[in-house]
C-alpha atoms as a PDB file:
ATOM      1  CA  MET A   1      76.850  31.614 -41.714  1.00  0.00           C
ATOM      2  CA  LYS A   2      73.810  32.254 -44.048  1.00  0.00           C
ATOM      3  CA  ARG A   3      71.356  29.320 -44.142  1.00  0.00           C
ATOM      4  CA  VAL A   4      69.260  28.634 -47.173  1.00  0.00           C
ATOM      5  CA  VAL A   5      66.724  25.780 -46.930  1.00  0.00           C
ATOM      6  CA  SER A   6      64.623  24.362 -49.764  1.00  0.00           C
ATOM      7  CA  VAL A   7      61.367  22.823 -48.487  1.00  0.00           C
ATOM      8  CA  SER A   8      60.266  20.363 -51.248  1.00  0.00           C
ATOM      9  CA  LEU A   9      57.118  18.475 -52.056  1.00  0.00           C
ATOM     10  CA  GLY A  10      59.491  15.915 -53.599  1.00  0.00           C
ATOM     11  CA  ALA A  11      60.954  12.712 -52.213  1.00  0.00           C
ATOM     12  CA  SER A  12      62.901  12.940 -48.986  1.00  0.00           C
ATOM     13  CA  LYS A  13      65.426  10.469 -50.410  1.00  0.00           C
ATOM     14  CA  ARG A  14      66.831  13.169 -52.588  1.00  0.00           C
ATOM     15  CA  ASN A  15      67.646  15.387 -49.565  1.00  0.00           C
ATOM     16  CA  HIS A  16      71.108  17.017 -49.703  1.00  0.00           C
ATOM     17  CA  LYS A  17      73.072  19.497 -47.515  1.00  0.00           C
ATOM     18  CA  VAL A  18      76.374  21.363 -48.272  1.00  0.00           C
ATOM     19  CA  GLU A  19      78.430  24.076 -46.672  1.00  0.00           C
ATOM     20  CA  THR A  20      80.251  26.385 -49.069  1.00  0.00           C
ATOM     21  CA  THR A  21      81.689  29.855 -49.565  1.00  0.00           C
ATOM     22  CA  ILE A  22      80.003  32.209 -52.137  1.00  0.00           C
ATOM     23  CA  LEU A  23      81.372  35.722 -52.596  1.00  0.00           C
ATOM     24  CA  GLY A  24      83.355  35.400 -49.378  1.00  0.00           C
ATOM     25  CA  GLU A  25      80.248  34.424 -47.347  1.00  0.00           C
ATOM     26  CA  GLU A  26      79.832  31.109 -45.728  1.00  0.00           C
ATOM     27  CA  PHE A  27      76.614  29.335 -46.688  1.00  0.00           C
ATOM     28  CA  SER A  28      74.687  26.221 -45.448  1.00  0.00           C
ATOM     29  CA  ILE A  29      72.493  25.097 -48.281  1.00  0.00           C
ATOM     30  CA  GLU A  30      70.005  22.341 -47.715  1.00  0.00           C
ATOM     31  CA  ARG A  31      67.090  20.558 -49.458  1.00  0.00           C
ATOM     32  CA  ILE A  32      64.421  18.835 -47.398  1.00  0.00           C
ATOM     33  CA  GLY A  33      61.769  16.703 -49.045  1.00  0.00           C
ATOM     34  CA  THR A  34      58.290  16.151 -47.514  1.00  0.00           C
ATOM     35  CA  ASP A  35      57.234  13.312 -49.859  1.00  0.00           C
ATOM     36  CA  GLY A  36      54.227  15.276 -51.216  1.00  0.00           C
ATOM     37  CA  ASP A  37      52.898  16.142 -47.757  1.00  0.00           C
ATOM     38  CA  VAL A  38      51.584  19.820 -48.241  1.00  0.00           C
ATOM     39  CA  LYS A  39      50.619  20.085 -44.548  1.00  0.00           C
ATOM     40  CA  LYS A  40      53.995  18.994 -43.430  1.00  0.00           C
ATOM     41  CA  ALA A  41      55.707  21.410 -45.878  1.00  0.00           C
ATOM     42  CA  LYS A  42      53.531  24.272 -44.389  1.00  0.00           C
ATOM     43  CA  GLN A  43      54.599  23.407 -40.878  1.00  0.00           C
ATOM     44  CA  MET A  44      58.213  23.205 -41.787  1.00  0.00           C
ATOM     45  CA  ILE A  45      58.119  26.622 -43.535  1.00  0.00           C
ATOM     46  CA  ARG A  46      56.417  28.253 -40.531  1.00  0.00           C
ATOM     47  CA  GLU A  47      59.152  26.831 -38.229  1.00  0.00           C
ATOM     48  CA  LEU A  48      61.889  28.158 -40.522  1.00  0.00           C
ATOM     49  CA  ASP A  49      60.364  31.609 -40.919  1.00  0.00           C
ATOM     50  CA  GLY A  50      62.635  34.253 -39.443  1.00  0.00           C
ATOM     51  CA  LYS A  51      65.379  31.670 -38.546  1.00  0.00           C
ATOM     52  CA  VAL A  52      67.055  31.325 -41.957  1.00  0.00           C
ATOM     53  CA  ALA A  53      68.238  33.686 -44.614  1.00  0.00           C
ATOM     54  CA  ALA A  54      65.935  32.347 -47.429  1.00  0.00           C
ATOM     55  CA  ILE A  55      63.425  29.526 -47.936  1.00  0.00           C
ATOM     56  CA  GLY A  56      63.125  27.816 -51.369  1.00  0.00           C
ATOM     57  CA  LEU A  57      59.980  26.120 -52.619  1.00  0.00           C
ATOM     58  CA  GLY A  58      60.931  22.793 -54.207  1.00  0.00           C
ATOM     59  CA  GLY A  59      58.883  20.276 -56.052  1.00  0.00           C
ATOM     60  CA  THR A  60      56.371  22.874 -57.005  1.00  0.00           C
ATOM     61  CA  ASP A  61      56.169  26.152 -58.934  1.00  0.00           C
ATOM     62  CA  LEU A  62      54.917  29.418 -57.498  1.00  0.00           C
ATOM     63  CA  TYR A  63      54.628  30.942 -60.975  1.00  0.00           C
ATOM     64  CA  ILE A  64      54.186  29.866 -64.509  1.00  0.00           C
ATOM     65  CA  HIS A  65      54.297  32.261 -67.466  1.00  0.00           C
ATOM     66  CA  SER A  66      52.880  33.316 -70.738  1.00  0.00           C
ATOM     67  CA  GLU A  67      54.636  35.852 -72.874  1.00  0.00           C
ATOM     68  CA  LYS A  68      53.259  38.934 -71.048  1.00  0.00           C
ATOM     69  CA  LYS A  69      51.814  37.640 -67.702  1.00  0.00           C
ATOM     70  CA  ARG A  70      52.742  35.248 -64.864  1.00  0.00           C
ATOM     71  CA  TYR A  71      50.245  33.182 -62.891  1.00  0.00           C
ATOM     72  CA  ALA A  72      50.604  32.046 -59.360  1.00  0.00           C
ATOM     73  CA  PHE A  73      49.537  28.531 -58.245  1.00  0.00           C
ATOM     74  CA  ARG A  74      46.968  28.693 -55.445  1.00  0.00           C
ATOM     75  CA  GLU A  75      48.535  25.885 -53.498  1.00  0.00           C
ATOM     76  CA  SER A  76      52.040  27.420 -53.850  1.00  0.00           C
ATOM     77  CA  LYS A  77      50.905  30.839 -52.752  1.00  0.00           C
ATOM     78  CA  ALA A  78      49.583  29.228 -49.468  1.00  0.00           C
ATOM     79  CA  LEU A  79      53.008  27.711 -48.886  1.00  0.00           C
ATOM     80  CA  ARG A  80      54.754  31.065 -49.523  1.00  0.00           C
ATOM     81  CA  ASP A  81      52.369  32.845 -47.135  1.00  0.00           C
ATOM     82  CA  CYS A  82      53.567  30.558 -44.229  1.00  0.00           C
ATOM     83  CA  ALA A  83      56.776  32.715 -44.178  1.00  0.00           C
ATOM     84  CA  PRO A  84      55.888  36.396 -43.821  1.00  0.00           C
ATOM     85  CA  ASN A  85      59.305  37.321 -42.419  1.00  0.00           C
ATOM     86  CA  THR A  86      61.756  35.394 -44.595  1.00  0.00           C
ATOM     87  CA  PRO A  87      62.343  35.731 -48.446  1.00  0.00           C
ATOM     88  CA  VAL A  88      60.709  32.832 -50.297  1.00  0.00           C
ATOM     89  CA  THR A  89      61.949  31.798 -53.734  1.00  0.00           C
ATOM     90  CA  ASP A  90      60.665  29.312 -56.342  1.00  0.00           C
ATOM     91  CA  GLY A  91      63.306  29.701 -58.941  1.00  0.00           C
ATOM     92  CA  SER A  92      61.063  31.392 -61.497  1.00  0.00           C
ATOM     93  CA  TYR A  93      63.332  34.538 -61.822  1.00  0.00           C
ATOM     94  CA  LEU A  94      66.423  32.331 -62.429  1.00  0.00           C
ATOM     95  CA  LYS A  95      64.455  30.408 -65.034  1.00  0.00           C
ATOM     96  CA  LYS A  96      63.492  33.639 -66.783  1.00  0.00           C
ATOM     97  CA  THR A  97      67.079  35.030 -66.760  1.00  0.00           C
ATOM     98  CA  LEU A  98      69.806  32.422 -66.076  1.00  0.00           C
ATOM     99  CA  GLU A  99      68.238  29.794 -68.257  1.00  0.00           C
ATOM    100  CA  TYR A 100      67.683  32.187 -71.033  1.00  0.00           C
ATOM    101  CA  ARG A 101      71.416  32.844 -70.956  1.00  0.00           C
ATOM    102  CA  LEU A 102      72.132  29.154 -70.573  1.00  0.00           C
ATOM    103  CA  ILE A 103      70.900  28.409 -74.067  1.00  0.00           C
ATOM    104  CA  TYR A 104      73.224  31.062 -75.559  1.00  0.00           C
ATOM    105  CA  TYR A 105      76.124  29.772 -73.436  1.00  0.00           C
ATOM    106  CA  VAL A 106      75.528  26.249 -74.862  1.00  0.00           C
ATOM    107  CA  ARG A 107      75.508  27.656 -78.405  1.00  0.00           C
ATOM    108  CA  ASP A 108      78.370  30.126 -78.101  1.00  0.00           C
ATOM    109  CA  GLN A 109      80.736  28.458 -75.612  1.00  0.00           C
ATOM    110  CA  LEU A 110      80.107  24.812 -76.206  1.00  0.00           C
ATOM    111  CA  GLY A 111      79.525  25.049 -79.943  1.00  0.00           C
ATOM    112  CA  ILE A 112      76.156  23.259 -79.991  1.00  0.00           C
ATOM    113  CA  ASP A 113      74.118  24.865 -82.631  1.00  0.00           C
ATOM    114  CA  PHE A 114      70.388  24.630 -82.025  1.00  0.00           C
ATOM    115  CA  LYS A 115      69.447  25.673 -85.544  1.00  0.00           C
ATOM    116  CA  GLY A 116      67.308  22.867 -87.022  1.00  0.00           C
ATOM    117  CA  LYS A 117      67.914  20.598 -84.126  1.00  0.00           C
ATOM    118  CA  LYS A 118      64.787  18.736 -82.742  1.00  0.00           C
ATOM    119  CA  VAL A 119      64.468  20.007 -79.141  1.00  0.00           C
ATOM    120  CA  LEU A 120      61.892  18.656 -76.693  1.00  0.00           C
ATOM    121  CA  LEU A 121      61.128  21.125 -73.955  1.00  0.00           C
ATOM    122  CA  MET A 122      59.163  19.320 -71.249  1.00  0.00           C
ATOM    123  CA  CYS A 123      57.138  22.336 -70.223  1.00  0.00           C
ATOM    124  CA  ALA A 124      57.563  25.758 -71.715  1.00  0.00           C
ATOM    125  CA  VAL A 125      55.338  27.766 -69.388  1.00  0.00           C
ATOM    126  CA  ASP A 126      57.627  26.556 -66.514  1.00  0.00           C
ATOM    127  CA  ARG A 127      60.802  27.375 -68.433  1.00  0.00           C
ATOM    128  CA  HIS A 128      59.718  30.535 -70.359  1.00  0.00           C
ATOM    129  CA  GLY A 129      63.271  31.986 -70.642  1.00  0.00           C
ATOM    130  CA  MET A 130      64.633  28.813 -71.980  1.00  0.00           C
ATOM    131  CA  ALA A 131      61.753  28.443 -74.415  1.00  0.00           C
ATOM    132  CA  ARG A 132      62.183  32.007 -75.851  1.00  0.00           C
ATOM    133  CA  ALA A 133      65.986  31.556 -76.301  1.00  0.00           C
ATOM    134  CA  LEU A 134      65.403  28.207 -78.094  1.00  0.00           C
ATOM    135  CA  ALA A 135      63.023  29.893 -80.389  1.00  0.00           C
ATOM    136  CA  GLU A 136      65.434  32.731 -81.054  1.00  0.00           C
ATOM    137  CA  CYS A 137      68.204  30.138 -81.848  1.00  0.00           C
ATOM    138  CA  ASN A 138      65.903  28.700 -84.391  1.00  0.00           C
ATOM    139  CA  ALA A 139      65.529  25.240 -82.771  1.00  0.00           C
ATOM    140  CA  ASP A 140      62.946  22.866 -84.211  1.00  0.00           C
ATOM    141  CA  LEU A 141      61.090  23.232 -80.841  1.00  0.00           C
ATOM    142  CA  LYS A 142      58.659  20.720 -79.519  1.00  0.00           C
ATOM    143  CA  CYS A 143      56.875  21.778 -76.260  1.00  0.00           C
ATOM    144  CA  GLY A 144      55.402  19.071 -74.081  1.00  0.00           C
ATOM    145  CA  ASP A 145      53.123  21.278 -71.902  1.00  0.00           C
ATOM    146  CA  LEU A 146      49.899  19.474 -72.946  1.00  0.00           C
ATOM    147  CA  VAL A 147      51.515  16.057 -72.904  1.00  0.00           C
ATOM    148  CA  PHE A 148      53.385  16.121 -69.604  1.00  0.00           C
ATOM    149  CA  THR A 149      51.239  18.317 -67.490  1.00  0.00           C
ATOM    150  CA  LEU A 150      47.734  17.544 -68.748  1.00  0.00           C
ATOM    151  CA  GLY A 151      48.079  14.134 -70.374  1.00  0.00           C
ATOM    152  CA  ILE A 152      46.921  15.354 -73.731  1.00  0.00           C
ATOM    153  CA  PRO A 153      49.056  13.448 -76.387  1.00  0.00           C
ATOM    154  CA  LYS A 154      49.820  16.484 -78.510  1.00  0.00           C
ATOM    155  CA  LEU A 155      53.149  18.395 -78.724  1.00  0.00           C
ATOM    156  CA  ILE A 156      53.127  22.115 -79.359  1.00  0.00           C
ATOM    157  CA  ASN A 157      55.425  22.906 -82.311  1.00  0.00           C
ATOM    158  CA  SER A 158      56.213  26.573 -81.756  1.00  0.00           C
ATOM    159  CA  PHE A 159      56.864  29.051 -78.956  1.00  0.00           C
ATOM    160  CA  ARG A 160      54.246  31.415 -80.387  1.00  0.00           C
ATOM    161  CA  THR A 161      51.563  28.706 -80.003  1.00  0.00           C
ATOM    162  CA  VAL A 162      52.605  28.043 -76.463  1.00  0.00           C
ATOM    163  CA  THR A 163      52.203  31.742 -75.587  1.00  0.00           C
ATOM    164  CA  MET A 164      48.779  31.780 -77.129  1.00  0.00           C
ATOM    165  CA  LEU A 165      47.521  28.624 -75.317  1.00  0.00           C
ATOM    166  CA  ALA A 166      49.140  29.780 -72.077  1.00  0.00           C
ATOM    167  CA  SER A 167      46.946  32.874 -71.876  1.00  0.00           C
ATOM    168  CA  VAL A 168      43.873  30.535 -72.003  1.00  0.00           C
ATOM    169  CA  LEU A 169      45.072  27.489 -69.874  1.00  0.00           C
ATOM    170  CA  CYS A 170      47.356  29.059 -67.228  1.00  0.00           C
ATOM    171  CA  PRO A 171      44.557  30.731 -65.244  1.00  0.00           C
ATOM    172  CA  ILE A 172      42.829  27.302 -64.994  1.00  0.00           C
ATOM    173  CA  ILE A 173      46.029  25.178 -64.303  1.00  0.00           C
ATOM    174  CA  VAL A 174      47.099  27.340 -61.366  1.00  0.00           C
ATOM    175  CA  GLN A 175      43.927  26.464 -59.510  1.00  0.00           C
ATOM    176  CA  LEU A 176      44.723  22.762 -59.581  1.00  0.00           C
ATOM    177  CA  PRO A 177      46.604  20.803 -56.842  1.00  0.00           C
ATOM    178  CA  MET A 178      50.304  20.660 -57.775  1.00  0.00           C
ATOM    179  CA  LYS A 179      50.257  16.778 -57.747  1.00  0.00           C
ATOM    180  CA  TRP A 180      47.861  16.863 -60.705  1.00  0.00           C
ATOM    181  CA  VAL A 181      50.318  18.679 -63.026  1.00  0.00           C
ATOM    182  CA  TYR A 182      53.745  17.846 -61.571  1.00  0.00           C
ATOM    183  CA  PRO A 183      55.202  14.633 -60.029  1.00  0.00           C
ATOM    184  CA  THR A 184      55.438  15.001 -56.275  1.00  0.00           C
ATOM    185  CA  GLY A 185      56.439  12.616 -53.432  1.00  0.00           C
ATOM    186  CA  ALA A 186      56.330   8.890 -54.475  1.00  0.00           C
ATOM    187  CA  ALA A 187      55.066   9.774 -57.947  1.00  0.00           C
ATOM    188  CA  GLN A 188      58.506  11.037 -58.799  1.00  0.00           C
ATOM    189  CA  ASP A 189      59.743   7.434 -58.807  1.00  0.00           C
ATOM    190  CA  LYS A 190      56.923   6.056 -60.891  1.00  0.00           C
ATOM    191  CA  PRO A 191      57.906   6.018 -64.536  1.00  0.00           C
ATOM    192  CA  ASN A 192      55.315   6.718 -67.138  1.00  0.00           C
ATOM    193  CA  THR A 193      55.793   4.717 -70.335  1.00  0.00           C
ATOM    194  CA  LYS A 194      52.757   6.179 -72.175  1.00  0.00           C
ATOM    195  CA  PHE A 195      54.547   8.920 -73.930  1.00  0.00           C
ATOM    196  CA  HIS A 196      57.959   7.505 -74.935  1.00  0.00           C
ATOM    197  CA  ARG A 197      57.201   8.088 -78.574  1.00  0.00           C
ATOM    198  CA  PHE A 198      57.560  11.760 -78.110  1.00  0.00           C
ATOM    199  CA  PHE A 199      61.252  11.317 -77.475  1.00  0.00           C
ATOM    200  CA  ASP A 200      61.799   9.645 -80.839  1.00  0.00           C
ATOM    201  CA  GLY A 201      64.002  11.521 -83.146  1.00  0.00           C
ATOM    202  CA  ILE A 202      64.735  14.258 -80.560  1.00  0.00           C
ATOM    203  CA  ASP A 203      68.376  15.623 -80.421  1.00  0.00           C
ATOM    204  CA  ILE A 204      68.166  17.609 -77.223  1.00  0.00           C
ATOM    205  CA  VAL A 205      65.796  17.183 -74.172  1.00  0.00           C
ATOM    206  CA  CYS A 206      65.437  20.321 -71.956  1.00  0.00           C
ATOM    207  CA  GLY A 207      63.484  21.234 -68.820  1.00  0.00           C
ATOM    208  CA  ASP A 208      62.791  20.043 -65.277  1.00  0.00           C
ATOM    209  CA  TYR A 209      64.632  16.794 -64.499  1.00  0.00           C
ATOM    210  CA  LEU A 210      61.759  15.166 -62.595  1.00  0.00           C
ATOM    211  CA  PHE A 211      59.627  15.488 -65.637  1.00  0.00           C
ATOM    212  CA  ILE A 212      62.355  14.069 -67.835  1.00  0.00           C
ATOM    213  CA  LYS A 213      63.021  11.208 -65.278  1.00  0.00           C
ATOM    214  CA  LYS A 214      59.339  10.280 -65.153  1.00  0.00           C
ATOM    215  CA  TYR A 215      58.719  10.132 -68.852  1.00  0.00           C
ATOM    216  CA  MET A 216      62.036   9.332 -70.541  1.00  0.00           C
ATOM    217  CA  PRO A 217      62.412   5.962 -72.413  1.00  0.00           C
ATOM    218  CA  GLU A 218      65.092   3.521 -71.760  1.00  0.00           C
ATOM    219  CA  ASN A 219      67.033   4.548 -74.971  1.00  0.00           C
ATOM    220  CA  LEU A 220      68.466   8.067 -74.876  1.00  0.00           C
ATOM    221  CA  GLN A 221      71.211   7.223 -77.262  1.00  0.00           C
ATOM    222  CA  GLY A 222      73.166  10.312 -78.387  1.00  0.00           C
ATOM    223  CA  LYS A 223      70.728  12.849 -76.762  1.00  0.00           C
ATOM    224  CA  ILE A 224      71.962  15.963 -74.936  1.00  0.00           C
ATOM    225  CA  ILE A 225      70.096  16.703 -71.705  1.00  0.00           C
ATOM    226  CA  ILE A 226      69.800  20.355 -70.382  1.00  0.00           C
ATOM    227  CA  THR A 227      68.222  20.387 -67.031  1.00  0.00           C
ATOM    228  CA  ASN A 228      68.799  20.922 -63.298  1.00  0.00           C
ATOM    229  CA  THR A 229      68.496  19.178 -59.885  1.00  0.00           C
ATOM    230  CA  VAL A 230      70.346  15.968 -60.665  1.00  0.00           C
ATOM    231  CA  THR A 231      71.957  13.639 -58.135  1.00  0.00           C
ATOM    232  CA  PRO A 232      74.949  11.360 -58.829  1.00  0.00           C
ATOM    233  CA  GLU A 233      72.442   8.476 -59.206  1.00  0.00           C
ATOM    234  CA  ASP A 234      70.570  10.427 -61.884  1.00  0.00           C
ATOM    235  CA  ILE A 235      73.743  10.959 -63.806  1.00  0.00           C
ATOM    236  CA  GLU A 236      74.480   7.262 -63.849  1.00  0.00           C
ATOM    237  CA  ILE A 237      70.962   6.530 -65.040  1.00  0.00           C
ATOM    238  CA  LEU A 238      71.395   8.992 -67.934  1.00  0.00           C
ATOM    239  CA  ARG A 239      74.824   7.442 -68.757  1.00  0.00           C
ATOM    240  CA  ALA A 240      73.364   3.973 -68.809  1.00  0.00           C
ATOM    241  CA  ARG A 241      70.533   4.967 -71.112  1.00  0.00           C
ATOM    242  CA  GLY A 242      73.054   6.338 -73.608  1.00  0.00           C
ATOM    243  CA  ALA A 243      72.673  10.008 -73.235  1.00  0.00           C
ATOM    244  CA  LYS A 244      75.644  11.961 -74.786  1.00  0.00           C
ATOM    245  CA  MET A 245      75.902  15.020 -72.584  1.00  0.00           C
ATOM    246  CA  LEU A 246      74.394  16.553 -69.440  1.00  0.00           C
ATOM    247  CA  ILE A 247      74.281  20.345 -68.988  1.00  0.00           C
ATOM    248  CA  THR A 248      72.860  22.035 -65.844  1.00  0.00           C
ATOM    249  CA  GLY A 249      72.284  25.718 -65.375  1.00  0.00           C
ATOM    250  CA  THR A 250      73.554  25.742 -61.715  1.00  0.00           C
ATOM    251  CA  PRO A 251      76.932  24.539 -60.597  1.00  0.00           C
ATOM    252  CA  GLU A 252      77.844  21.188 -59.007  1.00  0.00           C
ATOM    253  CA  MET A 253      77.984  21.181 -55.128  1.00  0.00           C
ATOM    254  CA  GLU A 254      79.480  17.942 -53.719  1.00  0.00           C
ATOM    255  CA  GLY A 255      78.029  15.848 -56.628  1.00  0.00           C
ATOM    256  CA  ARG A 256      74.629  17.587 -56.742  1.00  0.00           C
ATOM    257  CA  SER A 257      73.264  20.462 -58.827  1.00  0.00           C
ATOM    258  CA  PHE A 258      70.547  22.143 -56.611  1.00  0.00           C
ATOM    259  CA  GLY A 259      67.366  23.471 -58.113  1.00  0.00           C
ATOM    260  CA  THR A 260      66.748  27.077 -59.186  1.00  0.00           C
ATOM    261  CA  ASN A 261      64.660  27.722 -56.120  1.00  0.00           C
ATOM    262  CA  VAL A 262      67.754  27.025 -53.902  1.00  0.00           C
ATOM    263  CA  MET A 263      70.174  29.080 -56.003  1.00  0.00           C
ATOM    264  CA  GLU A 264      67.610  31.896 -56.208  1.00  0.00           C
ATOM    265  CA  GLY A 265      67.526  31.660 -52.409  1.00  0.00           C
ATOM    266  CA  VAL A 266      71.238  32.334 -52.306  1.00  0.00           C
ATOM    267  CA  ILE A 267      70.651  35.670 -54.043  1.00  0.00           C
ATOM    268  CA  ALA A 268      67.779  36.486 -51.726  1.00  0.00           C
ATOM    269  CA  ALA A 269      70.146  35.758 -48.675  1.00  0.00           C
ATOM    270  CA  PHE A 270      72.618  38.184 -49.987  1.00  0.00           C
ATOM    271  CA  SER A 271      70.100  40.940 -50.798  1.00  0.00           C
ATOM    272  CA  GLY A 272      67.740  40.299 -47.796  1.00  0.00           C
ATOM    273  CA  GLN A 273      64.769  40.508 -50.288  1.00  0.00           C
ATOM    274  CA  SER A 274      62.746  38.133 -52.352  1.00  0.00           C
ATOM    275  CA  PRO A 275      63.130  38.569 -56.154  1.00  0.00           C
ATOM    276  CA  ASP A 276      59.628  40.150 -56.279  1.00  0.00           C
ATOM    277  CA  GLN A 277      60.883  42.853 -53.893  1.00  0.00           C
ATOM    278  CA  MET A 278      64.063  43.402 -55.908  1.00  0.00           C
ATOM    279  CA  GLY A 279      62.591  43.655 -59.342  1.00  0.00           C
ATOM    280  CA  ASP A 280      64.240  42.515 -62.561  1.00  0.00           C
ATOM    281  CA  GLU A 281      67.029  45.034 -62.803  1.00  0.00           C
ATOM    282  CA  GLU A 282      68.363  44.581 -59.339  1.00  0.00           C
ATOM    283  CA  PHE A 283      67.922  40.765 -59.502  1.00  0.00           C
ATOM    284  CA  LEU A 284      70.018  40.571 -62.746  1.00  0.00           C
ATOM    285  CA  LYS A 285      72.827  42.569 -60.943  1.00  0.00           C
ATOM    286  CA  TRP A 286      72.957  39.796 -58.311  1.00  0.00           C
ATOM    287  CA  VAL A 287      72.862  37.093 -60.944  1.00  0.00           C
ATOM    288  CA  ASP A 288      75.923  38.639 -62.542  1.00  0.00           C
ATOM    289  CA  LYS A 289      77.575  39.026 -59.152  1.00  0.00           C
ATOM    290  CA  VAL A 290      77.129  35.466 -58.133  1.00  0.00           C
ATOM    291  CA  SER A 291      78.107  34.220 -61.637  1.00  0.00           C
ATOM    292  CA  TYR A 292      76.628  30.738 -61.661  1.00  0.00           C
ATOM    293  CA  ILE A 293      78.746  28.725 -64.064  1.00  0.00           C
ATOM    294  CA  PRO A 294      76.830  25.868 -65.940  1.00  0.00           C
ATOM    295  CA  ARG A 295      77.827  22.325 -65.295  1.00  0.00           C
ATOM    296  CA  VAL A 296      78.773  20.183 -68.301  1.00  0.00           C
ATOM    297  CA  VAL A 297      79.229  16.400 -67.909  1.00  0.00           C
ATOM    298  CA  GLU A 298      80.344  14.144 -70.773  1.00  0.00           C
ATOM    299  CA  LEU A 299      78.326  10.995 -70.386  1.00  0.00           C
ATOM    300  CA  ASN A 300      79.031   8.894 -73.464  1.00  0.00           C
END
């Protein structure tokens, strides 16, 4: 049995483990939260190194992207380097490929036309593939990179502007502790009501679920949510707030959609290499082989 473990800086109460079969191979897939404790995460990764097929980095990003360049978080690189013998994944390759395709799946298979729709993408540099696809589909795109990562109350109204700002801001952002730009540990459960107004008039909300959860208002009436890493409890919260539909880029596994870092780890477990070692062409072949089917949940 191949074992894939995601070591997350997120809350331990979101832990989950399943055993499943993928392409005829038996897998144990597990998510372990460290409640924001970076030292504990490093120790856990060292202990897993060489003993599992792949290690995912959860509750953090290793890379964020501009149009032509990617930037590695200093803190996340230190986590990755704790496992010199086992492929380490953060989900960025799946975000670039699978989530790009997800937007076209939603348009072409689900019949949801993005043209002219007001779409709030929580952080475009984290979801570069999704952002590019939304722009190509002529969505009225509102990117929350400044709002939700830096606390600057200003939406960015075009993908082109995001890419211009990213080349300036990303080299600075990746030097910061992850907890300054992304909710980790207990901070994941502390709602922030300061930016509710940015959800007003929005038709579709996209991006990392923990960003959405932290900043979303009580009223999500009629909104479509495109995200990942949701639990059954998260689904009921979205339903209670009036959201219309939930779409996740990775499939349901015993009530849970795992993060892209975990599902990217499955590909690494098959290939025996990290996505960086494979390169784009080889990685895309594995994406097509595994054939992750999006999950669609009608909420209201």
